[in-house]
């Protein structure tokens, strides 16, 4: 089941995910999950909320492919953060919610 966690920083979430094997950078390689979304699922969602501004908010997605590749995608919450890839994440299967 997918879980949402709150961390003190995005770096803290990325460090924990890296320790769990999520070391591939999907921000640099977003075409992979955009081209074949059925081959990927969101395993964990980490949310960071800044103390002073909504511009400091971000979400870290832990993504796993059917072939076993594990990586992360970081999406900000400011007005310019809604890239095609960030919007595309909505279409990925979230583990534990396949029947919804």
PDB file of N, CA and C in Angstrom:
ATOM      1  N   UNK A   1       0.839  -1.175   0.000  1.00  0.00           N
ATOM      2  CA  UNK A   1       0.000   0.000   0.000  1.00  0.00           C
ATOM      3  C   UNK A   1       0.886   1.240   0.000  1.00  0.00           C
ATOM      4  N   UNK A   2       0.524   2.226  -0.751  1.00  0.00           N
ATOM      5  CA  UNK A   2       1.253   3.479  -0.796  1.00  0.00           C
ATOM      6  C   UNK A   2       0.998   4.266   0.477  1.00  0.00           C
ATOM      7  N   UNK A   3       2.047   4.905   0.951  1.00  0.00           N
ATOM      8  CA  UNK A   3       1.930   5.719   2.152  1.00  0.00           C
ATOM      9  C   UNK A   3       2.437   7.118   1.858  1.00  0.00           C
ATOM     10  N   UNK A   4       1.861   8.104   2.529  1.00  0.00           N
ATOM     11  CA  UNK A   4       2.343   9.471   2.443  1.00  0.00           C
ATOM     12  C   UNK A   4       3.014   9.800   3.764  1.00  0.00           C
ATOM     13  N   UNK A   5       4.251  10.303   3.701  1.00  0.00           N
ATOM     14  CA  UNK A   5       5.009  10.649   4.892  1.00  0.00           C
ATOM     15  C   UNK A   5       5.379  12.121   4.842  1.00  0.00           C
ATOM     16  N   UNK A   6       5.531  12.720   5.997  1.00  0.00           N
ATOM     17  CA  UNK A   6       6.019  14.092   6.095  1.00  0.00           C
ATOM     18  C   UNK A   6       7.422  14.052   6.686  1.00  0.00           C
ATOM     19  N   UNK A   7       8.347  14.776   6.065  1.00  0.00           N
ATOM     20  CA  UNK A   7       9.730  14.817   6.513  1.00  0.00           C
ATOM     21  C   UNK A   7      10.158  16.260   6.703  1.00  0.00           C
ATOM     22  N   UNK A   8      11.245  16.433   7.440  1.00  0.00           N
ATOM     23  CA  UNK A   8      11.769  17.771   7.714  1.00  0.00           C
ATOM     24  C   UNK A   8      12.303  18.426   6.447  1.00  0.00           C
ATOM     25  N   UNK A   9      12.729  17.624   5.481  1.00  0.00           N
ATOM     26  CA  UNK A   9      13.254  18.182   4.234  1.00  0.00           C
ATOM     27  C   UNK A   9      13.127  17.161   3.111  1.00  0.00           C
ATOM     28  N   UNK A  10      13.198  17.667   1.904  1.00  0.00           N
ATOM     29  CA  UNK A  10      13.194  16.791   0.730  1.00  0.00           C
ATOM     30  C   UNK A  10      14.445  15.918   0.754  1.00  0.00           C
ATOM     31  N   UNK A  11      15.575  16.506   1.154  1.00  0.00           N
ATOM     32  CA  UNK A  11      16.829  15.749   1.208  1.00  0.00           C
ATOM     33  C   UNK A  11      16.709  14.548   2.141  1.00  0.00           C
ATOM     34  N   UNK A  12      16.024  14.710   3.267  1.00  0.00           N
ATOM     35  CA  UNK A  12      15.829  13.605   4.208  1.00  0.00           C
ATOM     36  C   UNK A  12      15.029  12.473   3.559  1.00  0.00           C
ATOM     37  N   UNK A  13      13.975  12.818   2.844  1.00  0.00           N
ATOM     38  CA  UNK A  13      13.177  11.802   2.152  1.00  0.00           C
ATOM     39  C   UNK A  13      14.009  11.104   1.079  1.00  0.00           C
ATOM     40  N   UNK A  14      14.784  11.873   0.312  1.00  0.00           N
ATOM     41  CA  UNK A  14      15.612  11.285  -0.742  1.00  0.00           C
ATOM     42  C   UNK A  14      16.669  10.349  -0.171  1.00  0.00           C
ATOM     43  N   UNK A  15      17.250  10.724   0.975  1.00  0.00           N
ATOM     44  CA  UNK A  15      18.249   9.862   1.614  1.00  0.00           C
ATOM     45  C   UNK A  15      17.631   8.534   2.040  1.00  0.00           C
ATOM     46  N   UNK A  16      16.445   8.586   2.640  1.00  0.00           N
ATOM     47  CA  UNK A  16      15.789   7.353   3.073  1.00  0.00           C
ATOM     48  C   UNK A  16      15.431   6.480   1.875  1.00  0.00           C
ATOM     49  N   UNK A  17      14.915   7.096   0.822  1.00  0.00           N
ATOM     50  CA  UNK A  17      14.561   6.327  -0.370  1.00  0.00           C
ATOM     51  C   UNK A  17      15.791   5.714  -1.024  1.00  0.00           C
ATOM     52  N   UNK A  18      16.887   6.461  -1.058  1.00  0.00           N
ATOM     53  CA  UNK A  18      18.119   5.920  -1.633  1.00  0.00           C
ATOM     54  C   UNK A  18      18.570   4.688  -0.852  1.00  0.00           C
ATOM     55  N   UNK A  19      18.437   4.730   0.476  1.00  0.00           N
ATOM     56  CA  UNK A  19      18.794   3.578   1.305  1.00  0.00           C
ATOM     57  C   UNK A  19      17.906   2.372   0.994  1.00  0.00           C
ATOM     58  N   UNK A  20      16.701   2.632   0.498  1.00  0.00           N
ATOM     59  CA  UNK A  20      15.769   1.567   0.120  1.00  0.00           C
ATOM     60  C   UNK A  20      15.934   1.137  -1.337  1.00  0.00           C
ATOM     61  N   UNK A  21      16.936   1.713  -2.023  1.00  0.00           N
ATOM     62  CA  UNK A  21      17.219   1.321  -3.401  1.00  0.00           C
ATOM     63  C   UNK A  21      16.602   2.201  -4.466  1.00  0.00           C
ATOM     64  N   UNK A  22      15.934   3.280  -4.079  1.00  0.00           N
ATOM     65  CA  UNK A  22      15.325   4.200  -5.043  1.00  0.00           C
ATOM     66  C   UNK A  22      16.363   5.256  -5.424  1.00  0.00           C
ATOM     67  N   UNK A  23      17.273   4.891  -6.330  1.00  0.00           N
ATOM     68  CA  UNK A  23      18.389   5.775  -6.640  1.00  0.00           C
ATOM     69  C   UNK A  23      18.387   6.310  -8.072  1.00  0.00           C
ATOM     70  N   UNK A  24      17.415   5.949  -8.868  1.00  0.00           N
ATOM     71  CA  UNK A  24      17.324   6.431 -10.249  1.00  0.00           C
ATOM     72  C   UNK A  24      16.584   7.767 -10.269  1.00  0.00           C
ATOM     73  N   UNK A  25      17.033   8.707 -11.072  1.00  0.00           N
ATOM     74  CA  UNK A  25      16.440  10.049 -11.119  1.00  0.00           C
ATOM     75  C   UNK A  25      15.452  10.150 -12.284  1.00  0.00           C
ATOM     76  N   UNK A  26      14.161  10.015 -11.979  1.00  0.00           N
ATOM     77  CA  UNK A  26      13.144  10.122 -13.020  1.00  0.00           C
ATOM     78  C   UNK A  26      12.910  11.562 -13.463  1.00  0.00           C
ATOM     79  N   UNK A  27      13.365  12.562 -12.697  1.00  0.00           N
ATOM     80  CA  UNK A  27      13.279  13.942 -13.166  1.00  0.00           C
ATOM     81  C   UNK A  27      14.165  14.124 -14.395  1.00  0.00           C
ATOM     82  N   UNK A  28      15.301  13.450 -14.412  1.00  0.00           N
ATOM     83  CA  UNK A  28      16.230  13.537 -15.537  1.00  0.00           C
ATOM     84  C   UNK A  28      15.808  12.626 -16.688  1.00  0.00           C
ATOM     85  N   UNK A  29      14.957  11.646 -16.382  1.00  0.00           N
ATOM     86  CA  UNK A  29      14.577  10.626 -17.367  1.00  0.00           C
ATOM     87  C   UNK A  29      13.067  10.407 -17.389  1.00  0.00           C
ATOM     88  N   UNK A  30      12.304  11.489 -17.327  1.00  0.00           N
ATOM     89  CA  UNK A  30      10.846  11.379 -17.199  1.00  0.00           C
ATOM     90  C   UNK A  30      10.176  10.735 -18.408  1.00  0.00           C
ATOM     91  N   UNK A  31      10.828  10.750 -19.555  1.00  0.00           N
ATOM     92  CA  UNK A  31      10.232  10.153 -20.757  1.00  0.00           C
ATOM     93  C   UNK A  31       9.963   8.664 -20.561  1.00  0.00           C
ATOM     94  N   UNK A  32      10.740   8.020 -19.701  1.00  0.00           N
ATOM     95  CA  UNK A  32      10.555   6.582 -19.480  1.00  0.00           C
ATOM     96  C   UNK A  32       9.166   6.260 -18.955  1.00  0.00           C
ATOM     97  N   UNK A  33       8.712   6.967 -17.924  1.00  0.00           N
ATOM     98  CA  UNK A  33       7.391   6.635 -17.387  1.00  0.00           C
ATOM     99  C   UNK A  33       6.280   7.319 -18.162  1.00  0.00           C
ATOM    100  N   UNK A  34       6.598   8.357 -18.910  1.00  0.00           N
ATOM    101  CA  UNK A  34       5.576   8.988 -19.742  1.00  0.00           C
ATOM    102  C   UNK A  34       5.258   8.120 -20.955  1.00  0.00           C
ATOM    103  N   UNK A  35       6.250   7.408 -21.477  1.00  0.00           N
ATOM    104  CA  UNK A  35       6.075   6.574 -22.659  1.00  0.00           C
ATOM    105  C   UNK A  35       5.333   5.276 -22.347  1.00  0.00           C
ATOM    106  N   UNK A  36       5.635   4.678 -21.204  1.00  0.00           N
ATOM    107  CA  UNK A  36       5.050   3.383 -20.831  1.00  0.00           C
ATOM    108  C   UNK A  36       4.518   3.409 -19.404  1.00  0.00           C
ATOM    109  N   UNK A  37       3.478   4.173 -19.126  1.00  0.00           N
ATOM    110  CA  UNK A  37       3.008   4.321 -17.744  1.00  0.00           C
ATOM    111  C   UNK A  37       2.544   3.013 -17.110  1.00  0.00           C
ATOM    112  N   UNK A  38       2.067   2.078 -17.916  1.00  0.00           N
ATOM    113  CA  UNK A  38       1.597   0.797 -17.380  1.00  0.00           C
ATOM    114  C   UNK A  38       2.737  -0.044 -16.809  1.00  0.00           C
ATOM    115  N   UNK A  39       3.980   0.335 -17.096  1.00  0.00           N
ATOM    116  CA  UNK A  39       5.140  -0.393 -16.586  1.00  0.00           C
ATOM    117  C   UNK A  39       5.638   0.146 -15.248  1.00  0.00           C
ATOM    118  N   UNK A  40       4.954   1.165 -14.689  1.00  0.00           N
ATOM    119  CA  UNK A  40       5.427   1.816 -13.469  1.00  0.00           C
ATOM    120  C   UNK A  40       4.314   1.944 -12.444  1.00  0.00           C
ATOM    121  N   UNK A  41       4.716   2.007 -11.177  1.00  0.00           N
ATOM    122  CA  UNK A  41       3.763   2.275 -10.109  1.00  0.00           C
ATOM    123  C   UNK A  41       4.424   3.176  -9.067  1.00  0.00           C
ATOM    124  N   UNK A  42       3.611   3.955  -8.389  1.00  0.00           N
ATOM    125  CA  UNK A  42       4.089   4.784  -7.290  1.00  0.00           C
ATOM    126  C   UNK A  42       4.029   3.928  -6.034  1.00  0.00           C
ATOM    127  N   UNK A  43       5.168   3.783  -5.364  1.00  0.00           N
ATOM    128  CA  UNK A  43       5.261   2.932  -4.184  1.00  0.00           C
ATOM    129  C   UNK A  43       5.124   3.743  -2.900  1.00  0.00           C
ATOM    130  N   UNK A  44       5.749   4.909  -2.844  1.00  0.00           N
ATOM    131  CA  UNK A  44       5.696   5.789  -1.674  1.00  0.00           C
ATOM    132  C   UNK A  44       5.531   7.230  -2.136  1.00  0.00           C
ATOM    133  N   UNK A  45       4.906   8.027  -1.301  1.00  0.00           N
ATOM    134  CA  UNK A  45       4.785   9.463  -1.552  1.00  0.00           C
ATOM    135  C   UNK A  45       5.264  10.180  -0.297  1.00  0.00           C
ATOM    136  N   UNK A  46       6.249  11.067  -0.457  1.00  0.00           N
ATOM    137  CA  UNK A  46       6.779  11.856   0.649  1.00  0.00           C
ATOM    138  C   UNK A  46       6.440  13.319   0.388  1.00  0.00           C
ATOM    139  N   UNK A  47       5.854  13.967   1.351  1.00  0.00           N
ATOM    140  CA  UNK A  47       5.472  15.366   1.174  1.00  0.00           C
ATOM    141  C   UNK A  47       6.267  16.239   2.129  1.00  0.00           C
ATOM    142  N   UNK A  48       6.817  17.321   1.591  1.00  0.00           N
ATOM    143  CA  UNK A  48       7.542  18.301   2.397  1.00  0.00           C
ATOM    144  C   UNK A  48       6.776  19.609   2.346  1.00  0.00           C
ATOM    145  N   UNK A  49       6.492  20.171   3.504  1.00  0.00           N
ATOM    146  CA  UNK A  49       5.800  21.453   3.595  1.00  0.00           C
ATOM    147  C   UNK A  49       6.732  22.467   4.229  1.00  0.00           C
ATOM    148  N   UNK A  50       7.038  23.523   3.493  1.00  0.00           N
ATOM    149  CA  UNK A  50       7.912  24.569   4.007  1.00  0.00           C
ATOM    150  C   UNK A  50       7.259  25.355   5.128  1.00  0.00           C
ATOM    151  N   UNK A  51       8.080  25.931   5.989  1.00  0.00           N
ATOM    152  CA  UNK A  51       7.577  26.694   7.129  1.00  0.00           C
ATOM    153  C   UNK A  51       6.998  28.046   6.741  1.00  0.00           C
ATOM    154  N   UNK A  52       7.575  28.678   5.730  1.00  0.00           N
ATOM    155  CA  UNK A  52       7.213  30.065   5.475  1.00  0.00           C
ATOM    156  C   UNK A  52       6.431  30.322   4.196  1.00  0.00           C
ATOM    157  N   UNK A  53       6.513  29.439   3.233  1.00  0.00           N
ATOM    158  CA  UNK A  53       5.927  29.745   1.934  1.00  0.00           C
ATOM    159  C   UNK A  53       5.481  28.474   1.220  1.00  0.00           C
ATOM    160  N   UNK A  54       4.400  28.594   0.486  1.00  0.00           N
ATOM    161  CA  UNK A  54       3.941  27.463  -0.334  1.00  0.00           C
ATOM    162  C   UNK A  54       4.965  27.117  -1.407  1.00  0.00           C
ATOM    163  N   UNK A  55       5.814  28.079  -1.771  1.00  0.00           N
ATOM    164  CA  UNK A  55       6.858  27.823  -2.759  1.00  0.00           C
ATOM    165  C   UNK A  55       7.878  26.804  -2.262  1.00  0.00           C
ATOM    166  N   UNK A  56       7.920  26.574  -0.948  1.00  0.00           N
ATOM    167  CA  UNK A  56       8.862  25.623  -0.369  1.00  0.00           C
ATOM    168  C   UNK A  56       8.316  24.202  -0.330  1.00  0.00           C
ATOM    169  N   UNK A  57       7.068  23.999  -0.730  1.00  0.00           N
ATOM    170  CA  UNK A  57       6.455  22.679  -0.653  1.00  0.00           C
ATOM    171  C   UNK A  57       6.858  21.814  -1.845  1.00  0.00           C
ATOM    172  N   UNK A  58       7.005  20.521  -1.588  1.00  0.00           N
ATOM    173  CA  UNK A  58       7.372  19.583  -2.648  1.00  0.00           C
ATOM    174  C   UNK A  58       6.860  18.195  -2.297  1.00  0.00           C
ATOM    175  N   UNK A  59       6.722  17.370  -3.325  1.00  0.00           N
ATOM    176  CA  UNK A  59       6.363  15.971  -3.133  1.00  0.00           C
ATOM    177  C   UNK A  59       7.420  15.114  -3.809  1.00  0.00           C
ATOM    178  N   UNK A  60       7.856  14.078  -3.103  1.00  0.00           N
ATOM    179  CA  UNK A  60       8.819  13.124  -3.635  1.00  0.00           C
ATOM    180  C   UNK A  60       8.074  11.815  -3.875  1.00  0.00           C
ATOM    181  N   UNK A  61       8.075  11.358  -5.112  1.00  0.00           N
ATOM    182  CA  UNK A  61       7.423  10.103  -5.482  1.00  0.00           C
ATOM    183  C   UNK A  61       8.479   9.009  -5.618  1.00  0.00           C
ATOM    184  N   UNK A  62       8.282   7.888  -4.954  1.00  0.00           N
ATOM    185  CA  UNK A  62       9.129   6.711  -5.136  1.00  0.00           C
ATOM    186  C   UNK A  62       8.435   5.842  -6.179  1.00  0.00           C
ATOM    187  N   UNK A  63       9.104   5.625  -7.295  1.00  0.00           N
ATOM    188  CA  UNK A  63       8.514   4.933  -8.440  1.00  0.00           C
ATOM    189  C   UNK A  63       9.290   3.652  -8.720  1.00  0.00           C
ATOM    190  N   UNK A  64       8.552   2.585  -9.033  1.00  0.00           N
ATOM    191  CA  UNK A  64       9.175   1.302  -9.348  1.00  0.00           C
ATOM    192  C   UNK A  64       8.619   0.786 -10.669  1.00  0.00           C
ATOM    193  N   UNK A  65       9.515   0.267 -11.509  1.00  0.00           N
ATOM    194  CA  UNK A  65       9.081  -0.297 -12.788  1.00  0.00           C
ATOM    195  C   UNK A  65       8.841  -1.793 -12.637  1.00  0.00           C
ATOM    196  N   UNK A  66       8.135  -2.362 -13.601  1.00  0.00           N
ATOM    197  CA  UNK A  66       7.900  -3.809 -13.609  1.00  0.00           C
ATOM    198  C   UNK A  66       9.208  -4.580 -13.706  1.00  0.00           C
ATOM    199  N   UNK A  67      10.219  -3.968 -14.329  1.00  0.00           N
ATOM    200  CA  UNK A  67      11.518  -4.633 -14.472  1.00  0.00           C
ATOM    201  C   UNK A  67      12.381  -4.499 -13.221  1.00  0.00           C
ATOM    202  N   UNK A  68      11.899  -3.747 -12.213  1.00  0.00           N
ATOM    203  CA  UNK A  68      12.625  -3.626 -10.953  1.00  0.00           C
ATOM    204  C   UNK A  68      13.393  -2.334 -10.766  1.00  0.00           C
ATOM    205  N   UNK A  69      13.408  -1.463 -11.776  1.00  0.00           N
ATOM    206  CA  UNK A  69      14.100  -0.177 -11.633  1.00  0.00           C
ATOM    207  C   UNK A  69      13.362   0.664 -10.603  1.00  0.00           C
ATOM    208  N   UNK A  70      14.114   1.207  -9.636  1.00  0.00           N
ATOM    209  CA  UNK A  70      13.513   2.011  -8.577  1.00  0.00           C
ATOM    210  C   UNK A  70      14.145   3.397  -8.577  1.00  0.00           C
ATOM    211  N   UNK A  71      13.289   4.421  -8.565  1.00  0.00           N
ATOM    212  CA  UNK A  71      13.800   5.777  -8.589  1.00  0.00           C
ATOM    213  C   UNK A  71      12.825   6.761  -7.990  1.00  0.00           C
ATOM    214  N   UNK A  72      13.169   8.036  -8.113  1.00  0.00           N
ATOM    215  CA  UNK A  72      12.362   9.098  -7.516  1.00  0.00           C
ATOM    216  C   UNK A  72      12.032  10.175  -8.546  1.00  0.00           C
ATOM    217  N   UNK A  73      10.936  10.866  -8.285  1.00  0.00           N
ATOM    218  CA  UNK A  73      10.549  12.051  -9.044  1.00  0.00           C
ATOM    219  C   UNK A  73      10.126  13.091  -8.020  1.00  0.00           C
ATOM    220  N   UNK A  74      10.707  14.297  -8.101  1.00  0.00           N
ATOM    221  CA  UNK A  74      10.392  15.374  -7.164  1.00  0.00           C
ATOM    222  C   UNK A  74       9.592  16.431  -7.902  1.00  0.00           C
ATOM    223  N   UNK A  75       8.446  16.785  -7.329  1.00  0.00           N
ATOM    224  CA  UNK A  75       7.565  17.791  -7.919  1.00  0.00           C
ATOM    225  C   UNK A  75       7.317  18.893  -6.898  1.00  0.00           C
ATOM    226  N   UNK A  76       7.515  20.137  -7.321  1.00  0.00           N
ATOM    227  CA  UNK A  76       7.249  21.274  -6.446  1.00  0.00           C
ATOM    228  C   UNK A  76       5.776  21.626  -6.450  1.00  0.00           C
ATOM    229  N   UNK A  77       5.390  22.544  -5.565  1.00  0.00           N
ATOM    230  CA  UNK A  77       3.997  22.954  -5.469  1.00  0.00           C
ATOM    231  C   UNK A  77       3.756  24.376  -5.942  1.00  0.00           C
ATOM    232  N   UNK A  78       4.769  25.037  -6.473  1.00  0.00           N
ATOM    233  CA  UNK A  78       4.513  26.403  -6.923  1.00  0.00           C
ATOM    234  C   UNK A  78       3.783  26.391  -8.261  1.00  0.00           C
ATOM    235  N   UNK A  79       3.375  27.542  -8.712  1.00  0.00           N
ATOM    236  CA  UNK A  79       2.546  27.635  -9.920  1.00  0.00           C
ATOM    237  C   UNK A  79       3.233  27.067 -11.153  1.00  0.00           C
ATOM    238  N   UNK A  80       4.554  27.087 -11.186  1.00  0.00           N
ATOM    239  CA  UNK A  80       5.282  26.597 -12.351  1.00  0.00           C
ATOM    240  C   UNK A  80       5.660  25.128 -12.246  1.00  0.00           C
ATOM    241  N   UNK A  81       5.263  24.452 -11.191  1.00  0.00           N
ATOM    242  CA  UNK A  81       5.707  23.074 -10.978  1.00  0.00           C
ATOM    243  C   UNK A  81       4.856  22.050 -11.705  1.00  0.00           C
ATOM    244  N   UNK A  82       3.795  22.464 -12.327  1.00  0.00           N
ATOM    245  CA  UNK A  82       2.877  21.513 -12.949  1.00  0.00           C
ATOM    246  C   UNK A  82       3.326  21.164 -14.364  1.00  0.00           C
ATOM    247  N   UNK A  83       4.502  20.557 -14.448  1.00  0.00           N
ATOM    248  CA  UNK A  83       5.033  20.127 -15.733  1.00  0.00           C
ATOM    249  C   UNK A  83       4.195  18.974 -16.264  1.00  0.00           C
ATOM    250  N   UNK A  84       4.417  18.647 -17.519  1.00  0.00           N
ATOM    251  CA  UNK A  84       3.716  17.501 -18.099  1.00  0.00           C
ATOM    252  C   UNK A  84       3.974  16.242 -17.281  1.00  0.00           C
ATOM    253  N   UNK A  85       5.215  16.057 -16.850  1.00  0.00           N
ATOM    254  CA  UNK A  85       5.549  14.852 -16.087  1.00  0.00           C
ATOM    255  C   UNK A  85       4.836  14.835 -14.745  1.00  0.00           C
ATOM    256  N   UNK A  86       4.785  15.961 -14.062  1.00  0.00           N
ATOM    257  CA  UNK A  86       4.105  16.014 -12.764  1.00  0.00           C
ATOM    258  C   UNK A  86       2.625  15.691 -12.931  1.00  0.00           C
ATOM    259  N   UNK A  87       2.001  16.232 -13.957  1.00  0.00           N
ATOM    260  CA  UNK A  87       0.592  15.920 -14.214  1.00  0.00           C
ATOM    261  C   UNK A  87       0.425  14.459 -14.616  1.00  0.00           C
ATOM    262  N   UNK A  88       1.401  13.935 -15.323  1.00  0.00           N
ATOM    263  CA  UNK A  88       1.343  12.560 -15.792  1.00  0.00           C
ATOM    264  C   UNK A  88       1.384  11.562 -14.638  1.00  0.00           C
ATOM    265  N   UNK A  89       2.020  11.928 -13.533  1.00  0.00           N
ATOM    266  CA  UNK A  89       2.095  11.042 -12.370  1.00  0.00           C
ATOM    267  C   UNK A  89       0.718  10.645 -11.871  1.00  0.00           C
ATOM    268  N   UNK A  90      -0.252  11.490 -12.084  1.00  0.00           N
ATOM    269  CA  UNK A  90      -1.616  11.193 -11.653  1.00  0.00           C
ATOM    270  C   UNK A  90      -2.104   9.906 -12.309  1.00  0.00           C
ATOM    271  N   UNK A  91      -1.649   9.638 -13.530  1.00  0.00           N
ATOM    272  CA  UNK A  91      -2.082   8.457 -14.257  1.00  0.00           C
ATOM    273  C   UNK A  91      -1.367   7.173 -13.870  1.00  0.00           C
ATOM    274  N   UNK A  92      -0.271   7.282 -13.128  1.00  0.00           N
ATOM    275  CA  UNK A  92       0.441   6.077 -12.724  1.00  0.00           C
ATOM    276  C   UNK A  92      -0.338   5.341 -11.647  1.00  0.00           C
ATOM    277  N   UNK A  93      -0.220   4.054 -11.648  1.00  0.00           N
ATOM    278  CA  UNK A  93      -0.864   3.236 -10.626  1.00  0.00           C
ATOM    279  C   UNK A  93      -0.198   3.495  -9.288  1.00  0.00           C
ATOM    280  N   UNK A  94      -1.006   3.697  -8.274  1.00  0.00           N
ATOM    281  CA  UNK A  94      -0.480   3.818  -6.927  1.00  0.00           C
ATOM    282  C   UNK A  94      -0.658   2.462  -6.267  1.00  0.00           C
ATOM    283  N   UNK A  95       0.440   1.870  -5.846  1.00  0.00           N
ATOM    284  CA  UNK A  95       0.406   0.532  -5.254  1.00  0.00           C
ATOM    285  C   UNK A  95      -0.613   0.493  -4.124  1.00  0.00           C
ATOM    286  N   UNK A  96      -1.453  -0.524  -4.129  1.00  0.00           N
ATOM    287  CA  UNK A  96      -2.465  -0.669  -3.098  1.00  0.00           C
ATOM    288  C   UNK A  96      -3.791  -0.032  -3.466  1.00  0.00           C
ATOM    289  N   UNK A  97      -3.845   0.675  -4.594  1.00  0.00           N
ATOM    290  CA  UNK A  97      -5.087   1.321  -5.016  1.00  0.00           C
ATOM    291  C   UNK A  97      -5.513   0.856  -6.402  1.00  0.00           C
ATOM    292  N   UNK A  98      -5.026  -0.255  -6.852  1.00  0.00           N
ATOM    293  CA  UNK A  98      -5.290  -0.723  -8.209  1.00  0.00           C
ATOM    294  C   UNK A  98      -6.764  -0.953  -8.479  1.00  0.00           C
ATOM    295  N   UNK A  99      -7.543  -1.296  -7.473  1.00  0.00           N
ATOM    296  CA  UNK A  99      -8.957  -1.567  -7.670  1.00  0.00           C
ATOM    297  C   UNK A  99      -9.832  -0.339  -7.642  1.00  0.00           C
ATOM    298  N   UNK A 100      -9.271   0.814  -7.355  1.00  0.00           N
ATOM    299  CA  UNK A 100     -10.083   2.032  -7.252  1.00  0.00           C
ATOM    300  C   UNK A 100     -10.275   2.696  -8.590  1.00  0.00           C
TER     301      UNK A 100
END
